[in-house]
Amino acid sequence: MKLQKWGNSAAVRFPKEIISQLGLKIGDELETQAQGDTIVIRAAKRRRYTLAQLLAETPETAPRVAGWEEMAEVGKEVAE
């Protein structure tokens, strides 16, 4: 690997075999840490939610989609 210039920053490209082996996707967040003369790069922990946590959200704190109620019905979620 080689450290390369990318705009005003520096970048390292990872081979797709490493990306695949680690189960990473383009856009995943990574954490970096310097340990002496070693650079440690790891996937950032993704926050996981339980169903109970999601259902506990109140209407005031739950995210809203503007115009949701006016959207056309599609799929099998339409009540009969």
Protein backbone atom coordinates (compact mmCIF):
# COMPACT_ATOMS: atom_id res chain seq x y z
CA MET A 1 0.00 0.00 0.00
CA LYS A 2 1.06 3.55 -0.57
CA LEU A 3 0.01 6.80 1.10
CA GLN A 4 -1.33 9.03 -1.67
CA LYS A 5 -2.48 12.62 -1.99
CA TRP A 6 -6.24 13.06 -2.24
CA GLY A 7 -7.16 16.73 -2.56
CA ASN A 8 -5.69 18.42 0.51
CA SER A 9 -5.63 15.13 2.44
CA ALA A 10 -3.77 11.85 2.39
CA ALA A 11 -5.43 8.52 1.55
CA VAL A 12 -4.77 4.79 1.60
CA ARG A 13 -6.68 2.42 -0.67
CA PHE A 14 -7.65 -1.01 0.61
CA PRO A 15 -7.81 -4.00 -1.75
CA LYS A 16 -11.35 -5.33 -2.23
CA GLU A 17 -10.27 -8.69 -0.73
CA ILE A 18 -9.58 -6.99 2.63
CA ILE A 19 -12.85 -5.03 2.46
CA SER A 20 -14.76 -8.24 1.73
CA GLN A 21 -12.91 -10.29 4.38
CA LEU A 22 -13.82 -7.74 7.06
CA GLY A 23 -17.42 -7.38 5.87
CA LEU A 24 -17.02 -3.66 5.22
CA LYS A 25 -18.98 -1.57 2.73
CA ILE A 26 -18.24 1.75 1.05
CA GLY A 27 -19.44 4.44 3.45
CA ASP A 28 -18.83 2.44 6.64
CA GLU A 29 -17.34 4.48 9.48
CA LEU A 30 -13.80 3.57 10.56
CA GLU A 31 -11.87 4.47 13.71
CA THR A 32 -8.13 5.12 13.63
CA GLN A 33 -5.59 5.10 16.41
CA ALA A 34 -1.83 5.61 16.49
CA GLN A 35 0.09 3.17 18.70
CA GLY A 36 3.77 4.03 18.54
CA ASP A 37 4.74 3.62 14.89
CA THR A 38 1.63 1.53 14.12
CA ILE A 39 -1.70 2.73 12.74
CA VAL A 40 -4.72 0.72 13.93
CA ILE A 41 -7.86 0.96 11.79
CA ARG A 42 -11.08 -0.74 12.87
CA ALA A 43 -14.74 -0.61 11.95
CA ALA A 44 -16.64 1.79 14.20
CA LYS A 45 -19.23 0.14 16.41
CA ARG A 46 -22.70 0.56 15.01
CA ARG A 47 -25.40 1.40 17.48
CA ARG A 48 -27.95 -1.39 17.69
CA TYR A 49 -31.52 -0.81 18.79
CA THR A 50 -33.93 -3.31 20.28
CA LEU A 51 -37.55 -3.35 19.22
CA ALA A 52 -38.50 -2.23 22.73
CA GLN A 53 -36.22 0.82 22.41
CA LEU A 54 -37.73 1.76 19.07
CA LEU A 55 -41.30 1.31 20.31
CA ALA A 56 -40.53 3.36 23.44
CA GLU A 57 -40.00 6.50 21.34
CA THR A 58 -42.71 9.04 21.91
CA PRO A 59 -44.32 10.92 19.03
CA GLU A 60 -42.37 13.99 20.15
CA THR A 61 -38.98 12.25 19.83
CA ALA A 62 -39.69 9.89 16.93
CA PRO A 63 -38.39 10.98 13.53
CA ARG A 64 -41.10 12.26 11.20
CA VAL A 65 -41.33 12.05 7.44
CA ALA A 66 -42.94 15.17 6.03
CA GLY A 67 -46.06 14.28 4.06
CA TRP A 68 -46.17 10.68 5.30
CA GLU A 69 -49.93 10.73 5.80
CA GLU A 70 -50.49 12.01 2.25
CA MET A 71 -48.31 9.40 0.52
CA ALA A 72 -50.02 6.91 -1.80
CA GLU A 73 -50.67 3.43 -0.41
CA VAL A 74 -48.49 0.71 -1.95
CA GLY A 75 -47.74 -2.92 -1.20
CA LYS A 76 -49.52 -5.18 1.26
CA GLU A 77 -49.62 -2.73 4.18
CA VAL A 78 -52.94 -1.31 2.97
CA ALA A 79 -55.66 -2.09 5.52
CA GLU A 80 -58.81 -3.67 4.17
